[in-house]
Amino acid sequence: MKLAKLPDRTQVKMNVVLAPRLAKRLREYADFYVETYGSREEVAELIPFMLEAFLDGDAKFRRANRAGGAKDTADAVPRILADRRTRKGHDLG
């Protein structure tokens, strides 16, 4: 068969807590979307596409992913926090 097996398309629901400033900016972005395209979309509908565009546009992430370095692992968060704490010897976290 020429067509490969279809990937898992089961949606995953995630809950996030946003800072008030970010929530406001997302609403403003949704307003900008209306101005640009003439149709209103809820922020929750835009976010998955925004995240996809962000990840697709991150060249370092794409390179790491191709090299097998970007994994969905539990140790990703501590590593990021450690990087933030040690940058220039200041605690940024």
PDB file of N, CA and C in Angstrom:
ATOM      1  N   MET A   1       0.848  -1.170   0.000  1.00  0.00           N
ATOM      2  CA  MET A   1       0.000   0.000   0.000  1.00  0.00           C
ATOM      3  C   MET A   1       0.894   1.235   0.000  1.00  0.00           C
ATOM      4  N   LYS A   2       0.572   2.188  -0.819  1.00  0.00           N
ATOM      5  CA  LYS A   2       1.366   3.410  -0.953  1.00  0.00           C
ATOM      6  C   LYS A   2       1.193   4.334   0.260  1.00  0.00           C
ATOM      7  N   LEU A   3      -0.012   4.375   0.798  1.00  0.00           N
ATOM      8  CA  LEU A   3      -0.309   5.253   1.927  1.00  0.00           C
ATOM      9  C   LEU A   3       0.194   4.623   3.218  1.00  0.00           C
ATOM     10  N   ALA A   4       0.987   5.395   3.971  1.00  0.00           N
ATOM     11  CA  ALA A   4       1.468   4.919   5.271  1.00  0.00           C
ATOM     12  C   ALA A   4       0.321   4.930   6.274  1.00  0.00           C
ATOM     13  N   LYS A   5       0.490   4.170   7.336  1.00  0.00           N
ATOM     14  CA  LYS A   5      -0.513   4.146   8.392  1.00  0.00           C
ATOM     15  C   LYS A   5      -0.679   5.553   8.945  1.00  0.00           C
ATOM     16  N   LEU A   6      -1.905   5.974   9.130  1.00  0.00           N
ATOM     17  CA  LEU A   6      -2.191   7.317   9.635  1.00  0.00           C
ATOM     18  C   LEU A   6      -1.697   7.452  11.072  1.00  0.00           C
ATOM     19  N   PRO A   7      -1.194   8.632  11.424  1.00  0.00           N
ATOM     20  CA  PRO A   7      -0.713   8.853  12.798  1.00  0.00           C
ATOM     21  C   PRO A   7      -1.882   8.951  13.773  1.00  0.00           C
ATOM     22  N   ASP A   8      -1.564   8.833  15.044  1.00  0.00           N
ATOM     23  CA  ASP A   8      -2.569   8.994  16.095  1.00  0.00           C
ATOM     24  C   ASP A   8      -3.133  10.400  16.032  1.00  0.00           C
ATOM     25  N   ARG A   9      -4.421  10.497  15.909  1.00  0.00           N
ATOM     26  CA  ARG A   9      -5.075  11.809  15.813  1.00  0.00           C
ATOM     27  C   ARG A   9      -5.955  12.088  17.029  1.00  0.00           C
ATOM     28  N   THR A  10      -5.738  11.346  18.100  1.00  0.00           N
ATOM     29  CA  THR A  10      -6.492  11.562  19.327  1.00  0.00           C
ATOM     30  C   THR A  10      -6.048  12.892  19.934  1.00  0.00           C
ATOM     31  N   GLN A  11      -6.986  13.784  20.121  1.00  0.00           N
ATOM     32  CA  GLN A  11      -6.636  15.083  20.684  1.00  0.00           C
ATOM     33  C   GLN A  11      -6.303  14.946  22.164  1.00  0.00           C
ATOM     34  N   VAL A  12      -5.388  15.771  22.613  1.00  0.00           N
ATOM     35  CA  VAL A  12      -4.974  15.797  24.009  1.00  0.00           C
ATOM     36  C   VAL A  12      -5.368  17.144  24.576  1.00  0.00           C
ATOM     37  N   LYS A  13      -6.152  17.117  25.636  1.00  0.00           N
ATOM     38  CA  LYS A  13      -6.564  18.369  26.272  1.00  0.00           C
ATOM     39  C   LYS A  13      -5.560  18.696  27.369  1.00  0.00           C
ATOM     40  N   MET A  14      -5.095  19.955  27.361  1.00  0.00           N
ATOM     41  CA  MET A  14      -4.161  20.416  28.379  1.00  0.00           C
ATOM     42  C   MET A  14      -4.715  21.695  28.992  1.00  0.00           C
ATOM     43  N   ASN A  15      -4.562  21.819  30.269  1.00  0.00           N
ATOM     44  CA  ASN A  15      -4.962  23.039  30.962  1.00  0.00           C
ATOM     45  C   ASN A  15      -3.710  23.823  31.326  1.00  0.00           C
ATOM     46  N   VAL A  16      -3.743  25.115  31.090  1.00  0.00           N
ATOM     47  CA  VAL A  16      -2.616  25.974  31.455  1.00  0.00           C
ATOM     48  C   VAL A  16      -3.138  27.169  32.235  1.00  0.00           C
ATOM     49  N   VAL A  17      -2.290  27.709  33.052  1.00  0.00           N
ATOM     50  CA  VAL A  17      -2.599  28.912  33.803  1.00  0.00           C
ATOM     51  C   VAL A  17      -1.743  30.027  33.221  1.00  0.00           C
ATOM     52  N   LEU A  18      -2.379  31.114  32.835  1.00  0.00           N
ATOM     53  CA  LEU A  18      -1.679  32.226  32.192  1.00  0.00           C
ATOM     54  C   LEU A  18      -1.617  33.430  33.115  1.00  0.00           C
ATOM     55  N   ALA A  19      -0.543  34.154  33.000  1.00  0.00           N
ATOM     56  CA  ALA A  19      -0.439  35.429  33.704  1.00  0.00           C
ATOM     57  C   ALA A  19      -1.458  36.383  33.071  1.00  0.00           C
ATOM     58  N   PRO A  20      -2.016  37.300  33.843  1.00  0.00           N
ATOM     59  CA  PRO A  20      -3.007  38.223  33.290  1.00  0.00           C
ATOM     60  C   PRO A  20      -2.505  38.978  32.060  1.00  0.00           C
ATOM     61  N   ARG A  21      -1.249  39.378  32.075  1.00  0.00           N
ATOM     62  CA  ARG A  21      -0.694  40.118  30.927  1.00  0.00           C
ATOM     63  C   ARG A  21      -0.693  39.268  29.667  1.00  0.00           C
ATOM     64  N   LEU A  22      -0.327  37.993  29.796  1.00  0.00           N
ATOM     65  CA  LEU A  22      -0.314  37.108  28.634  1.00  0.00           C
ATOM     66  C   LEU A  22      -1.739  36.852  28.137  1.00  0.00           C
ATOM     67  N   ALA A  23      -2.673  36.652  29.043  1.00  0.00           N
ATOM     68  CA  ALA A  23      -4.068  36.444  28.649  1.00  0.00           C
ATOM     69  C   ALA A  23      -4.584  37.656  27.871  1.00  0.00           C
ATOM     70  N   LYS A  24      -4.228  38.842  28.332  1.00  0.00           N
ATOM     71  CA  LYS A  24      -4.634  40.076  27.639  1.00  0.00           C
ATOM     72  C   LYS A  24      -4.022  40.131  26.248  1.00  0.00           C
ATOM     73  N   ARG A  25      -2.742  39.795  26.146  1.00  0.00           N
ATOM     74  CA  ARG A  25      -2.071  39.823  24.844  1.00  0.00           C
ATOM     75  C   ARG A  25      -2.669  38.804  23.886  1.00  0.00           C
ATOM     76  N   LEU A  26      -3.075  37.647  24.391  1.00  0.00           N
ATOM     77  CA  LEU A  26      -3.716  36.648  23.536  1.00  0.00           C
ATOM     78  C   LEU A  26      -5.066  37.146  23.021  1.00  0.00           C
ATOM     79  N   ARG A  27      -5.818  37.833  23.873  1.00  0.00           N
ATOM     80  CA  ARG A  27      -7.098  38.417  23.426  1.00  0.00           C
ATOM     81  C   ARG A  27      -6.845  39.488  22.367  1.00  0.00           C
ATOM     82  N   GLU A  28      -5.792  40.287  22.576  1.00  0.00           N
ATOM     83  CA  GLU A  28      -5.432  41.298  21.585  1.00  0.00           C
ATOM     84  C   GLU A  28      -5.020  40.650  20.268  1.00  0.00           C
ATOM     85  N   TYR A  29      -4.332  39.526  20.350  1.00  0.00           N
ATOM     86  CA  TYR A  29      -3.930  38.808  19.147  1.00  0.00           C
ATOM     87  C   TYR A  29      -5.161  38.288  18.406  1.00  0.00           C
ATOM     88  N   ALA A  30      -6.143  37.798  19.153  1.00  0.00           N
ATOM     89  CA  ALA A  30      -7.392  37.334  18.536  1.00  0.00           C
ATOM     90  C   ALA A  30      -8.103  38.503  17.849  1.00  0.00           C
ATOM     91  N   ASP A  31      -8.061  39.683  18.445  1.00  0.00           N
ATOM     92  CA  ASP A  31      -8.642  40.875  17.814  1.00  0.00           C
ATOM     93  C   ASP A  31      -7.889  41.224  16.531  1.00  0.00           C
ATOM     94  N   PHE A  32      -6.571  41.116  16.575  1.00  0.00           N
ATOM     95  CA  PHE A  32      -5.753  41.369  15.397  1.00  0.00           C
ATOM     96  C   PHE A  32      -6.076  40.357  14.294  1.00  0.00           C
ATOM     97  N   TYR A  33      -6.329  39.122  14.682  1.00  0.00           N
ATOM     98  CA  TYR A  33      -6.713  38.078  13.726  1.00  0.00           C
ATOM     99  C   TYR A  33      -8.003  38.482  13.006  1.00  0.00           C
ATOM    100  N   VAL A  34      -8.974  39.010  13.754  1.00  0.00           N
ATOM    101  CA  VAL A  34     -10.234  39.468  13.151  1.00  0.00           C
ATOM    102  C   VAL A  34      -9.965  40.586  12.145  1.00  0.00           C
ATOM    103  N   GLU A  35      -9.127  41.540  12.552  1.00  0.00           N
ATOM    104  CA  GLU A  35      -8.795  42.658  11.654  1.00  0.00           C
ATOM    105  C   GLU A  35      -8.131  42.156  10.376  1.00  0.00           C
ATOM    106  N   THR A  36      -7.295  41.145  10.516  1.00  0.00           N
ATOM    107  CA  THR A  36      -6.531  40.637   9.376  1.00  0.00           C
ATOM    108  C   THR A  36      -7.375  39.776   8.451  1.00  0.00           C
ATOM    109  N   TYR A  37      -8.178  38.862   9.024  1.00  0.00           N
ATOM    110  CA  TYR A  37      -8.885  37.869   8.221  1.00  0.00           C
ATOM    111  C   TYR A  37     -10.394  38.054   8.165  1.00  0.00           C
ATOM    112  N   GLY A  38     -10.930  38.949   8.986  1.00  0.00           N
ATOM    113  CA  GLY A  38     -12.360  39.225   8.928  1.00  0.00           C
ATOM    114  C   GLY A  38     -13.253  38.192   9.583  1.00  0.00           C
ATOM    115  N   SER A  39     -12.675  37.234  10.280  1.00  0.00           N
ATOM    116  CA  SER A  39     -13.500  36.259  10.996  1.00  0.00           C
ATOM    117  C   SER A  39     -12.942  36.077  12.404  1.00  0.00           C
ATOM    118  N   ARG A  40     -13.851  35.983  13.349  1.00  0.00           N
ATOM    119  CA  ARG A  40     -13.452  35.865  14.751  1.00  0.00           C
ATOM    120  C   ARG A  40     -13.212  34.409  15.105  1.00  0.00           C
ATOM    121  N   GLU A  41     -12.096  34.183  15.778  1.00  0.00           N
ATOM    122  CA  GLU A  41     -11.769  32.872  16.339  1.00  0.00           C
ATOM    123  C   GLU A  41     -11.489  33.068  17.814  1.00  0.00           C
ATOM    124  N   GLU A  42     -11.940  32.151  18.612  1.00  0.00           N
ATOM    125  CA  GLU A  42     -11.670  32.216  20.039  1.00  0.00           C
ATOM    126  C   GLU A  42     -10.178  31.981  20.286  1.00  0.00           C
ATOM    127  N   VAL A  43      -9.663  32.573  21.356  1.00  0.00           N
ATOM    128  CA  VAL A  43      -8.257  32.418  21.711  1.00  0.00           C
ATOM    129  C   VAL A  43      -7.914  30.930  21.817  1.00  0.00           C
ATOM    130  N   ALA A  44      -8.779  30.150  22.448  1.00  0.00           N
ATOM    131  CA  ALA A  44      -8.512  28.722  22.620  1.00  0.00           C
ATOM    132  C   ALA A  44      -8.390  27.999  21.286  1.00  0.00           C
ATOM    133  N   GLU A  45      -9.040  28.503  20.251  1.00  0.00           N
ATOM    134  CA  GLU A  45      -8.935  27.906  18.918  1.00  0.00           C
ATOM    135  C   GLU A  45      -7.633  28.316  18.236  1.00  0.00           C
ATOM    136  N   LEU A  46      -7.141  29.505  18.541  1.00  0.00           N
ATOM    137  CA  LEU A  46      -5.915  30.002  17.914  1.00  0.00           C
ATOM    138  C   LEU A  46      -4.651  29.410  18.543  1.00  0.00           C
ATOM    139  N   ILE A  47      -4.677  29.165  19.839  1.00  0.00           N
ATOM    140  CA  ILE A  47      -3.472  28.763  20.558  1.00  0.00           C
ATOM    141  C   ILE A  47      -2.785  27.534  19.963  1.00  0.00           C
ATOM    142  N   PRO A  48      -3.479  26.445  19.639  1.00  0.00           N
ATOM    143  CA  PRO A  48      -2.758  25.304  19.068  1.00  0.00           C
ATOM    144  C   PRO A  48      -2.003  25.660  17.783  1.00  0.00           C
ATOM    145  N   PHE A  49      -2.599  26.490  16.943  1.00  0.00           N
ATOM    146  CA  PHE A  49      -1.944  26.886  15.696  1.00  0.00           C
ATOM    147  C   PHE A  49      -0.770  27.832  15.966  1.00  0.00           C
ATOM    148  N   MET A  50      -0.917  28.686  16.974  1.00  0.00           N
ATOM    149  CA  MET A  50       0.173  29.579  17.353  1.00  0.00           C
ATOM    150  C   MET A  50       1.365  28.769  17.879  1.00  0.00           C
ATOM    151  N   LEU A  51       1.082  27.779  18.714  1.00  0.00           N
ATOM    152  CA  LEU A  51       2.154  26.947  19.249  1.00  0.00           C
ATOM    153  C   LEU A  51       2.831  26.142  18.143  1.00  0.00           C
ATOM    154  N   GLU A  52       2.044  25.616  17.225  1.00  0.00           N
ATOM    155  CA  GLU A  52       2.606  24.860  16.103  1.00  0.00           C
ATOM    156  C   GLU A  52       3.521  25.756  15.269  1.00  0.00           C
ATOM    157  N   ALA A  53       3.074  26.981  14.985  1.00  0.00           N
ATOM    158  CA  ALA A  53       3.886  27.914  14.205  1.00  0.00           C
ATOM    159  C   ALA A  53       5.162  28.275  14.960  1.00  0.00           C
ATOM    160  N   PHE A  54       5.054  28.456  16.260  1.00  0.00           N
ATOM    161  CA  PHE A  54       6.227  28.769  17.075  1.00  0.00           C
ATOM    162  C   PHE A  54       7.245  27.633  17.016  1.00  0.00           C
ATOM    163  N   LEU A  55       6.783  26.404  17.231  1.00  0.00           N
ATOM    164  CA  LEU A  55       7.684  25.258  17.211  1.00  0.00           C
ATOM    165  C   LEU A  55       8.285  25.039  15.826  1.00  0.00           C
ATOM    166  N   ASP A  56       7.475  25.209  14.791  1.00  0.00           N
ATOM    167  CA  ASP A  56       7.974  25.049  13.422  1.00  0.00           C
ATOM    168  C   ASP A  56       9.006  26.116  13.079  1.00  0.00           C
ATOM    169  N   GLY A  57       8.898  27.279  13.700  1.00  0.00           N
ATOM    170  CA  GLY A  57       9.805  28.380  13.413  1.00  0.00           C
ATOM    171  C   GLY A  57      11.064  28.385  14.255  1.00  0.00           C
ATOM    172  N   ASP A  58      11.173  27.473  15.209  1.00  0.00           N
ATOM    173  CA  ASP A  58      12.339  27.424  16.088  1.00  0.00           C
ATOM    174  C   ASP A  58      13.395  26.516  15.461  1.00  0.00           C
ATOM    175  N   ALA A  59      14.377  27.125  14.804  1.00  0.00           N
ATOM    176  CA  ALA A  59      15.383  26.368  14.063  1.00  0.00           C
ATOM    177  C   ALA A  59      16.199  25.447  14.973  1.00  0.00           C
ATOM    178  N   LYS A  60      16.554  25.913  16.154  1.00  0.00           N
ATOM    179  CA  LYS A  60      17.345  25.070  17.067  1.00  0.00           C
ATOM    180  C   LYS A  60      16.540  23.848  17.491  1.00  0.00           C
ATOM    181  N   PHE A  61      15.261  24.028  17.759  1.00  0.00           N
ATOM    182  CA  PHE A  61      14.409  22.903  18.147  1.00  0.00           C
ATOM    183  C   PHE A  61      14.295  21.906  16.996  1.00  0.00           C
ATOM    184  N   ARG A  62      14.120  22.413  15.781  1.00  0.00           N
ATOM    185  CA  ARG A  62      14.015  21.516  14.615  1.00  0.00           C
ATOM    186  C   ARG A  62      15.300  20.717  14.442  1.00  0.00           C
ATOM    187  N   ARG A  63      16.450  21.389  14.575  1.00  0.00           N
ATOM    188  CA  ARG A  63      17.731  20.687  14.441  1.00  0.00           C
ATOM    189  C   ARG A  63      17.879  19.626  15.528  1.00  0.00           C
ATOM    190  N   ALA A  64      17.545  19.976  16.758  1.00  0.00           N
ATOM    191  CA  ALA A  64      17.648  19.019  17.863  1.00  0.00           C
ATOM    192  C   ALA A  64      16.703  17.849  17.638  1.00  0.00           C
ATOM    193  N   ASN A  65      15.526  18.134  17.132  1.00  0.00           N
ATOM    194  CA  ASN A  65      14.541  17.090  16.869  1.00  0.00           C
ATOM    195  C   ASN A  65      15.048  16.137  15.798  1.00  0.00           C
ATOM    196  N   ARG A  66      15.643  16.678  14.735  1.00  0.00           N
ATOM    197  CA  ARG A  66      16.194  15.841  13.660  1.00  0.00           C
ATOM    198  C   ARG A  66      17.352  14.997  14.175  1.00  0.00           C
ATOM    199  N   ALA A  67      18.118  15.554  15.088  1.00  0.00           N
ATOM    200  CA  ALA A  67      19.272  14.846  15.634  1.00  0.00           C
ATOM    201  C   ALA A  67      18.869  13.870  16.733  1.00  0.00           C
ATOM    202  N   GLY A  68      17.602  13.854  17.078  1.00  0.00           N
ATOM    203  CA  GLY A  68      17.129  12.950  18.123  1.00  0.00           C
ATOM    204  C   GLY A  68      17.328  13.487  19.517  1.00  0.00           C
ATOM    205  N   GLY A  69      17.644  14.784  19.643  1.00  0.00           N
ATOM    206  CA  GLY A  69      17.919  15.349  20.961  1.00  0.00           C
ATOM    207  C   GLY A  69      16.711  15.891  21.689  1.00  0.00           C
ATOM    208  N   ALA A  70      15.656  16.251  20.971  1.00  0.00           N
ATOM    209  CA  ALA A  70      14.472  16.819  21.618  1.00  0.00           C
ATOM    210  C   ALA A  70      13.487  15.697  21.895  1.00  0.00           C
ATOM    211  N   LYS A  71      13.375  15.338  23.137  1.00  0.00           N
ATOM    212  CA  LYS A  71      12.496  14.247  23.532  1.00  0.00           C
ATOM    213  C   LYS A  71      11.453  14.767  24.505  1.00  0.00           C
ATOM    214  N   ASP A  72      10.325  14.117  24.539  1.00  0.00           N
ATOM    215  CA  ASP A  72       9.274  14.451  25.488  1.00  0.00           C
ATOM    216  C   ASP A  72       9.528  13.641  26.752  1.00  0.00           C
ATOM    217  N   THR A  73      10.399  14.169  27.612  1.00  0.00           N
ATOM    218  CA  THR A  73      10.773  13.435  28.813  1.00  0.00           C
ATOM    219  C   THR A  73      10.502  14.263  30.046  1.00  0.00           C
ATOM    220  N   ALA A  74      10.419  13.596  31.163  1.00  0.00           N
ATOM    221  CA  ALA A  74      10.156  14.280  32.429  1.00  0.00           C
ATOM    222  C   ALA A  74      11.336  15.137  32.870  1.00  0.00           C
ATOM    223  N   ASP A  75      12.548  14.824  32.402  1.00  0.00           N
ATOM    224  CA  ASP A  75      13.709  15.591  32.844  1.00  0.00           C
ATOM    225  C   ASP A  75      13.871  16.904  32.098  1.00  0.00           C
ATOM    226  N   ALA A  76      13.008  17.194  31.131  1.00  0.00           N
ATOM    227  CA  ALA A  76      13.129  18.429  30.352  1.00  0.00           C
ATOM    228  C   ALA A  76      12.920  19.658  31.236  1.00  0.00           C
ATOM    229  N   VAL A  77      11.967  19.619  32.128  1.00  0.00           N
ATOM    230  CA  VAL A  77      11.680  20.782  32.967  1.00  0.00           C
ATOM    231  C   VAL A  77      12.822  21.086  33.924  1.00  0.00           C
ATOM    232  N   PRO A  78      13.331  20.110  34.684  1.00  0.00           N
ATOM    233  CA  PRO A  78      14.445  20.430  35.571  1.00  0.00           C
ATOM    234  C   PRO A  78      15.660  20.970  34.828  1.00  0.00           C
ATOM    235  N   ARG A  79      15.927  20.434  33.624  1.00  0.00           N
ATOM    236  CA  ARG A  79      17.071  20.903  32.859  1.00  0.00           C
ATOM    237  C   ARG A  79      16.879  22.370  32.493  1.00  0.00           C
ATOM    238  N   ILE A  80      15.684  22.771  32.102  1.00  0.00           N
ATOM    239  CA  ILE A  80      15.404  24.161  31.761  1.00  0.00           C
ATOM    240  C   ILE A  80      15.563  25.040  32.999  1.00  0.00           C
ATOM    241  N   LEU A  81      15.024  24.590  34.124  1.00  0.00           N
ATOM    242  CA  LEU A  81      15.141  25.369  35.347  1.00  0.00           C
ATOM    243  C   LEU A  81      16.596  25.505  35.759  1.00  0.00           C
ATOM    244  N   ALA A  82      17.377  24.447  35.608  1.00  0.00           N
ATOM    245  CA  ALA A  82      18.795  24.520  35.953  1.00  0.00           C
ATOM    246  C   ALA A  82      19.501  25.527  35.060  1.00  0.00           C
ATOM    247  N   ASP A  83      19.169  25.541  33.775  1.00  0.00           N
ATOM    248  CA  ASP A  83      19.766  26.516  32.863  1.00  0.00           C
ATOM    249  C   ASP A  83      19.437  27.932  33.307  1.00  0.00           C
ATOM    250  N   ARG A  84      18.211  28.169  33.741  1.00  0.00           N
ATOM    251  CA  ARG A  84      17.810  29.507  34.158  1.00  0.00           C
ATOM    252  C   ARG A  84      18.552  29.924  35.423  1.00  0.00           C
ATOM    253  N   ARG A  85      18.798  28.983  36.336  1.00  0.00           N
ATOM    254  CA  ARG A  85      19.448  29.324  37.600  1.00  0.00           C
ATOM    255  C   ARG A  85      20.919  29.628  37.422  1.00  0.00           C
ATOM    256  N   THR A  86      21.539  28.996  36.446  1.00  0.00           N
ATOM    257  CA  THR A  86      22.992  29.128  36.363  1.00  0.00           C
ATOM    258  C   THR A  86      23.451  30.165  35.355  1.00  0.00           C
ATOM    259  N   ARG A  87      22.556  30.726  34.566  1.00  0.00           N
ATOM    260  CA  ARG A  87      22.969  31.704  33.572  1.00  0.00           C
ATOM    261  C   ARG A  87      23.578  32.914  34.253  1.00  0.00           C
ATOM    262  N   LYS A  88      24.833  33.211  33.950  1.00  0.00           N
ATOM    263  CA  LYS A  88      25.589  34.336  34.488  1.00  0.00           C
ATOM    264  C   LYS A  88      25.639  34.321  36.024  1.00  0.00           C
ATOM    265  N   GLY A  89      25.432  33.126  36.624  1.00  0.00           N
ATOM    266  CA  GLY A  89      25.550  32.995  38.063  1.00  0.00           C
ATOM    267  C   GLY A  89      24.411  33.594  38.849  1.00  0.00           C
ATOM    268  N   HIS A  90      23.333  34.008  38.173  1.00  0.00           N
ATOM    269  CA  HIS A  90      22.195  34.599  38.861  1.00  0.00           C
ATOM    270  C   HIS A  90      21.037  33.625  38.876  1.00  0.00           C
ATOM    271  N   ASP A  91      20.217  33.692  39.906  1.00  0.00           N
ATOM    272  CA  ASP A  91      19.012  32.881  39.976  1.00  0.00           C
ATOM    273  C   ASP A  91      17.906  33.612  39.241  1.00  0.00           C
ATOM    274  N   LEU A  92      17.564  33.116  38.040  1.00  0.00           N
ATOM    275  CA  LEU A  92      16.526  33.760  37.243  1.00  0.00           C
ATOM    276  C   LEU A  92      15.174  33.110  37.454  1.00  0.00           C
ATOM    277  N   GLY A  93      15.099  32.028  38.180  1.00  0.00           N
ATOM    278  CA  GLY A  93      13.853  31.278  38.339  1.00  0.00           C
ATOM    279  C   GLY A  93      13.095  31.776  39.492  1.00  0.00           C
TER     280      GLY A  93
END
